[in-house]
Amino acid sequence: MFKRLVSLFALLALLAAPAAWAAEVAAPVSVDPAVTALHLNTATAAELEKLPGIGPVLAERIVEYRTEHGPFTHLDQLQEVKGVGDHLLGRLQANLDL
């Protein structure tokens, strides 16, 4: 009886996980409500860190990329920075301007 109950809870957890993950991935979110849209070409590393999924290392990479290659001309160009993929770019689009 106990094994069946544990198995049932495990099955329910597995079935609920994809729905929760899909809801999180679908909508871009801002961690800081005060951050509405940062200008990608003028934002400091500290400002970039306030965005979802960007820590100090990635923020510094973005600033370095901008310094070495000049201003970003489109948001997709952000994927050229090591550590930025499709998923992260999708989360950031609502918070970035050019």
N, C-alpha and C. Protein backbone atom coordinates (compact mmCIF):
# COMPACT_ATOMS: atom_id res chain seq x y z
N MET A 1 0.83 -1.18 0.00
CA MET A 1 0.00 0.00 0.00
C MET A 1 0.88 1.26 0.00
N PHE A 2 1.89 1.29 0.89
CA PHE A 2 2.77 2.46 0.98
C PHE A 2 3.53 2.66 -0.32
N LYS A 3 3.99 1.55 -0.94
CA LYS A 3 4.72 1.64 -2.20
C LYS A 3 3.85 2.24 -3.29
N ARG A 4 2.60 1.86 -3.33
CA ARG A 4 1.68 2.39 -4.34
C ARG A 4 1.46 3.88 -4.13
N LEU A 5 1.34 4.29 -2.89
CA LEU A 5 1.12 5.70 -2.59
C LEU A 5 2.35 6.53 -3.00
N VAL A 6 3.53 6.03 -2.69
CA VAL A 6 4.76 6.72 -3.09
C VAL A 6 4.86 6.77 -4.61
N SER A 7 4.54 5.68 -5.27
CA SER A 7 4.59 5.65 -6.73
C SER A 7 3.61 6.62 -7.34
N LEU A 8 2.44 6.73 -6.75
CA LEU A 8 1.43 7.66 -7.24
C LEU A 8 1.92 9.10 -7.12
N PHE A 9 2.50 9.46 -5.99
CA PHE A 9 3.02 10.81 -5.80
C PHE A 9 4.17 11.10 -6.76
N ALA A 10 5.01 10.12 -7.00
CA ALA A 10 6.12 10.31 -7.93
C ALA A 10 5.59 10.52 -9.35
N LEU A 11 4.60 9.77 -9.74
CA LEU A 11 4.00 9.91 -11.05
C LEU A 11 3.35 11.28 -11.21
N LEU A 12 2.63 11.72 -10.20
CA LEU A 12 2.00 13.04 -10.26
C LEU A 12 3.04 14.15 -10.36
N ALA A 13 4.14 14.01 -9.65
CA ALA A 13 5.20 15.02 -9.71
C ALA A 13 5.80 15.08 -11.12
N LEU A 14 6.01 13.93 -11.74
CA LEU A 14 6.56 13.90 -13.09
C LEU A 14 5.60 14.49 -14.11
N LEU A 15 4.31 14.25 -13.92
CA LEU A 15 3.33 14.79 -14.85
C LEU A 15 3.17 16.30 -14.71
N ALA A 16 3.33 16.82 -13.51
CA ALA A 16 3.16 18.25 -13.27
C ALA A 16 4.39 19.06 -13.66
N ALA A 17 5.57 18.46 -13.63
CA ALA A 17 6.81 19.19 -13.89
C ALA A 17 6.86 19.83 -15.28
N PRO A 18 6.53 19.13 -16.37
CA PRO A 18 6.61 19.78 -17.68
C PRO A 18 5.69 20.99 -17.81
N ALA A 19 4.51 20.94 -17.22
CA ALA A 19 3.59 22.07 -17.29
C ALA A 19 4.15 23.28 -16.57
N ALA A 20 4.75 23.07 -15.43
CA ALA A 20 5.34 24.17 -14.68
C ALA A 20 6.54 24.74 -15.43
N TRP A 21 7.35 23.88 -16.03
CA TRP A 21 8.51 24.33 -16.78
C TRP A 21 8.08 25.12 -18.02
N ALA A 22 7.07 24.65 -18.72
CA ALA A 22 6.60 25.34 -19.92
C ALA A 22 6.08 26.72 -19.59
N ALA A 23 5.39 26.87 -18.48
CA ALA A 23 4.86 28.18 -18.09
C ALA A 23 6.01 29.13 -17.79
N GLU A 24 7.08 28.64 -17.18
CA GLU A 24 8.23 29.48 -16.86
C GLU A 24 8.97 29.91 -18.11
N VAL A 25 9.09 29.01 -19.08
CA VAL A 25 9.83 29.30 -20.30
C VAL A 25 9.04 30.23 -21.21
N ALA A 26 7.73 30.10 -21.23
CA ALA A 26 6.89 30.82 -22.18
C ALA A 26 6.92 32.33 -21.99
N ALA A 27 6.96 32.80 -20.77
CA ALA A 27 6.84 34.23 -20.54
C ALA A 27 8.16 34.83 -20.07
N PRO A 28 8.66 35.83 -20.81
CA PRO A 28 9.85 36.53 -20.33
C PRO A 28 9.51 37.25 -19.03
N VAL A 29 10.41 37.21 -18.10
CA VAL A 29 10.14 37.84 -16.82
C VAL A 29 11.28 38.76 -16.44
N SER A 30 10.96 39.76 -15.68
CA SER A 30 11.97 40.66 -15.14
C SER A 30 12.11 40.36 -13.67
N VAL A 31 13.33 40.12 -13.22
CA VAL A 31 13.58 39.84 -11.81
C VAL A 31 13.32 41.10 -10.98
N ASP A 32 13.74 42.23 -11.49
CA ASP A 32 13.60 43.50 -10.80
C ASP A 32 12.50 44.30 -11.47
N PRO A 33 11.36 44.56 -10.79
CA PRO A 33 10.26 45.29 -11.42
C PRO A 33 10.67 46.69 -11.86
N ALA A 34 11.70 47.25 -11.27
CA ALA A 34 12.15 48.58 -11.67
C ALA A 34 12.85 48.55 -13.02
N VAL A 35 13.30 47.37 -13.46
CA VAL A 35 13.97 47.24 -14.74
C VAL A 35 12.91 46.97 -15.79
N THR A 36 12.62 47.95 -16.61
CA THR A 36 11.64 47.73 -17.67
C THR A 36 12.36 47.37 -18.96
N ALA A 37 13.29 48.22 -19.38
CA ALA A 37 14.06 47.92 -20.58
C ALA A 37 15.42 48.60 -20.49
N LEU A 38 16.44 47.82 -20.61
CA LEU A 38 17.80 48.35 -20.62
C LEU A 38 18.26 48.51 -22.06
N HIS A 39 19.02 49.53 -22.31
CA HIS A 39 19.61 49.71 -23.63
C HIS A 39 20.86 48.84 -23.66
N LEU A 40 20.86 47.86 -24.53
CA LEU A 40 21.94 46.88 -24.58
C LEU A 40 23.30 47.51 -24.86
N ASN A 41 23.33 48.61 -25.56
CA ASN A 41 24.61 49.23 -25.93
C ASN A 41 25.13 50.22 -24.90
N THR A 42 24.34 50.54 -23.89
CA THR A 42 24.81 51.49 -22.88
C THR A 42 24.75 50.94 -21.46
N ALA A 43 24.11 49.81 -21.27
CA ALA A 43 23.95 49.24 -19.92
C ALA A 43 25.30 48.83 -19.35
N THR A 44 25.48 49.10 -18.08
CA THR A 44 26.69 48.67 -17.38
C THR A 44 26.56 47.20 -17.00
N ALA A 45 27.65 46.59 -16.60
CA ALA A 45 27.62 45.20 -16.15
C ALA A 45 26.69 45.06 -14.95
N ALA A 46 26.72 46.02 -14.04
CA ALA A 46 25.86 45.97 -12.85
C ALA A 46 24.38 46.02 -13.25
N GLU A 47 24.05 46.82 -14.24
CA GLU A 47 22.66 46.89 -14.70
C GLU A 47 22.25 45.59 -15.39
N LEU A 48 23.14 45.03 -16.18
CA LEU A 48 22.83 43.78 -16.88
C LEU A 48 22.61 42.62 -15.90
N GLU A 49 23.31 42.65 -14.78
CA GLU A 49 23.15 41.59 -13.77
C GLU A 49 21.75 41.54 -13.19
N LYS A 50 21.00 42.59 -13.28
CA LYS A 50 19.63 42.62 -12.74
C LYS A 50 18.65 41.86 -13.62
N LEU A 51 19.08 41.50 -14.81
CA LEU A 51 18.21 40.77 -15.73
C LEU A 51 18.20 39.28 -15.40
N PRO A 52 17.10 38.60 -15.71
CA PRO A 52 17.00 37.17 -15.41
C PRO A 52 18.02 36.35 -16.19
N GLY A 53 18.77 35.55 -15.47
CA GLY A 53 19.73 34.64 -16.10
C GLY A 53 21.10 35.23 -16.37
N ILE A 54 21.32 36.49 -15.97
CA ILE A 54 22.63 37.10 -16.19
C ILE A 54 23.30 37.34 -14.84
N GLY A 55 24.44 36.69 -14.67
CA GLY A 55 25.24 36.88 -13.46
C GLY A 55 26.42 37.78 -13.78
N PRO A 56 27.32 37.94 -12.83
CA PRO A 56 28.45 38.86 -13.02
C PRO A 56 29.38 38.46 -14.17
N VAL A 57 29.62 37.18 -14.36
CA VAL A 57 30.52 36.74 -15.42
C VAL A 57 29.92 37.03 -16.80
N LEU A 58 28.66 36.67 -16.98
CA LEU A 58 28.01 36.89 -18.28
C LEU A 58 27.83 38.38 -18.55
N ALA A 59 27.51 39.14 -17.54
CA ALA A 59 27.37 40.60 -17.72
C ALA A 59 28.69 41.19 -18.21
N GLU A 60 29.77 40.74 -17.62
CA GLU A 60 31.10 41.24 -18.03
C GLU A 60 31.42 40.81 -19.46
N ARG A 61 31.04 39.59 -19.84
CA ARG A 61 31.26 39.12 -21.21
C ARG A 61 30.51 39.99 -22.22
N ILE A 62 29.29 40.37 -21.87
CA ILE A 62 28.49 41.21 -22.77
C ILE A 62 29.16 42.56 -22.96
N VAL A 63 29.62 43.16 -21.87
CA VAL A 63 30.29 44.45 -21.95
C VAL A 63 31.59 44.33 -22.75
N GLU A 64 32.35 43.26 -22.52
CA GLU A 64 33.59 43.04 -23.26
C GLU A 64 33.32 42.85 -24.76
N TYR A 65 32.29 42.08 -25.07
CA TYR A 65 31.94 41.86 -26.48
C TYR A 65 31.61 43.20 -27.14
N ARG A 66 30.84 44.01 -26.46
CA ARG A 66 30.44 45.32 -26.99
C ARG A 66 31.66 46.22 -27.20
N THR A 67 32.61 46.15 -26.28
CA THR A 67 33.83 46.95 -26.38
C THR A 67 34.68 46.51 -27.57
N GLU A 68 34.80 45.20 -27.75
CA GLU A 68 35.64 44.65 -28.82
C GLU A 68 35.01 44.74 -30.21
N HIS A 69 33.68 44.57 -30.30
CA HIS A 69 33.02 44.48 -31.60
C HIS A 69 32.15 45.68 -31.94
N GLY A 70 32.04 46.62 -31.05
CA GLY A 70 31.18 47.77 -31.30
C GLY A 70 29.76 47.50 -30.83
N PRO A 71 28.88 48.45 -31.04
CA PRO A 71 27.52 48.31 -30.54
C PRO A 71 26.76 47.17 -31.22
N PHE A 72 25.83 46.60 -30.47
CA PHE A 72 24.95 45.58 -31.01
C PHE A 72 24.01 46.25 -32.02
N THR A 73 23.77 45.59 -33.13
CA THR A 73 22.86 46.15 -34.13
C THR A 73 21.49 45.47 -34.10
N HIS A 74 21.42 44.26 -33.52
CA HIS A 74 20.15 43.56 -33.33
C HIS A 74 20.30 42.63 -32.14
N LEU A 75 19.18 42.32 -31.50
CA LEU A 75 19.22 41.52 -30.28
C LEU A 75 19.77 40.12 -30.51
N ASP A 76 19.52 39.55 -31.69
CA ASP A 76 20.02 38.20 -31.97
C ASP A 76 21.54 38.12 -31.91
N GLN A 77 22.20 39.24 -32.13
CA GLN A 77 23.66 39.29 -32.08
C GLN A 77 24.18 38.96 -30.68
N LEU A 78 23.33 39.11 -29.68
CA LEU A 78 23.71 38.79 -28.30
C LEU A 78 24.09 37.32 -28.16
N GLN A 79 23.59 36.47 -29.05
CA GLN A 79 23.91 35.04 -28.99
C GLN A 79 25.37 34.77 -29.35
N GLU A 80 26.06 35.73 -29.88
CA GLU A 80 27.47 35.56 -30.18
C GLU A 80 28.33 35.63 -28.92
N VAL A 81 27.73 36.09 -27.82
CA VAL A 81 28.41 36.13 -26.53
C VAL A 81 28.33 34.74 -25.91
N LYS A 82 29.48 34.21 -25.50
CA LYS A 82 29.51 32.88 -24.89
C LYS A 82 28.59 32.85 -23.67
N GLY A 83 27.68 31.89 -23.65
CA GLY A 83 26.76 31.74 -22.52
C GLY A 83 25.35 32.22 -22.82
N VAL A 84 25.15 32.83 -23.97
CA VAL A 84 23.80 33.30 -24.34
C VAL A 84 23.30 32.41 -25.47
N GLY A 85 22.23 31.68 -25.17
CA GLY A 85 21.62 30.81 -26.17
C GLY A 85 20.19 31.26 -26.46
N ASP A 86 19.48 30.43 -27.20
CA ASP A 86 18.10 30.74 -27.57
C ASP A 86 17.21 30.96 -26.36
N HIS A 87 17.35 30.08 -25.39
CA HIS A 87 16.49 30.14 -24.21
C HIS A 87 16.70 31.46 -23.44
N LEU A 88 17.94 31.79 -23.16
CA LEU A 88 18.22 33.01 -22.41
C LEU A 88 17.82 34.24 -23.22
N LEU A 89 18.10 34.25 -24.50
CA LEU A 89 17.73 35.39 -25.34
C LEU A 89 16.22 35.61 -25.29
N GLY A 90 15.46 34.53 -25.33
CA GLY A 90 14.00 34.64 -25.25
C GLY A 90 13.55 35.26 -23.94
N ARG A 91 14.22 34.92 -22.85
CA ARG A 91 13.86 35.49 -21.55
C ARG A 91 14.23 36.96 -21.45
N LEU A 92 15.27 37.37 -22.18
CA LEU A 92 15.77 38.74 -22.06
C LEU A 92 15.09 39.73 -22.99
N GLN A 93 14.50 39.29 -24.06
CA GLN A 93 13.98 40.18 -25.08
C GLN A 93 13.03 41.25 -24.56
N ALA A 94 12.23 40.91 -23.57
CA ALA A 94 11.28 41.89 -23.03
C ALA A 94 11.98 42.98 -22.24
N ASN A 95 13.23 42.76 -21.85
CA ASN A 95 13.93 43.71 -21.01
C ASN A 95 15.07 44.45 -21.71
N LEU A 96 15.23 44.24 -23.02
CA LEU A 96 16.33 44.87 -23.73
C LEU A 96 15.86 45.70 -24.91
N ASP A 97 16.51 46.83 -25.10
CA ASP A 97 16.29 47.69 -26.27
C ASP A 97 17.63 47.92 -26.92
N LEU A 98 17.57 48.37 -28.17
CA LEU A 98 18.79 48.78 -28.88
C LEU A 98 18.74 50.27 -29.13
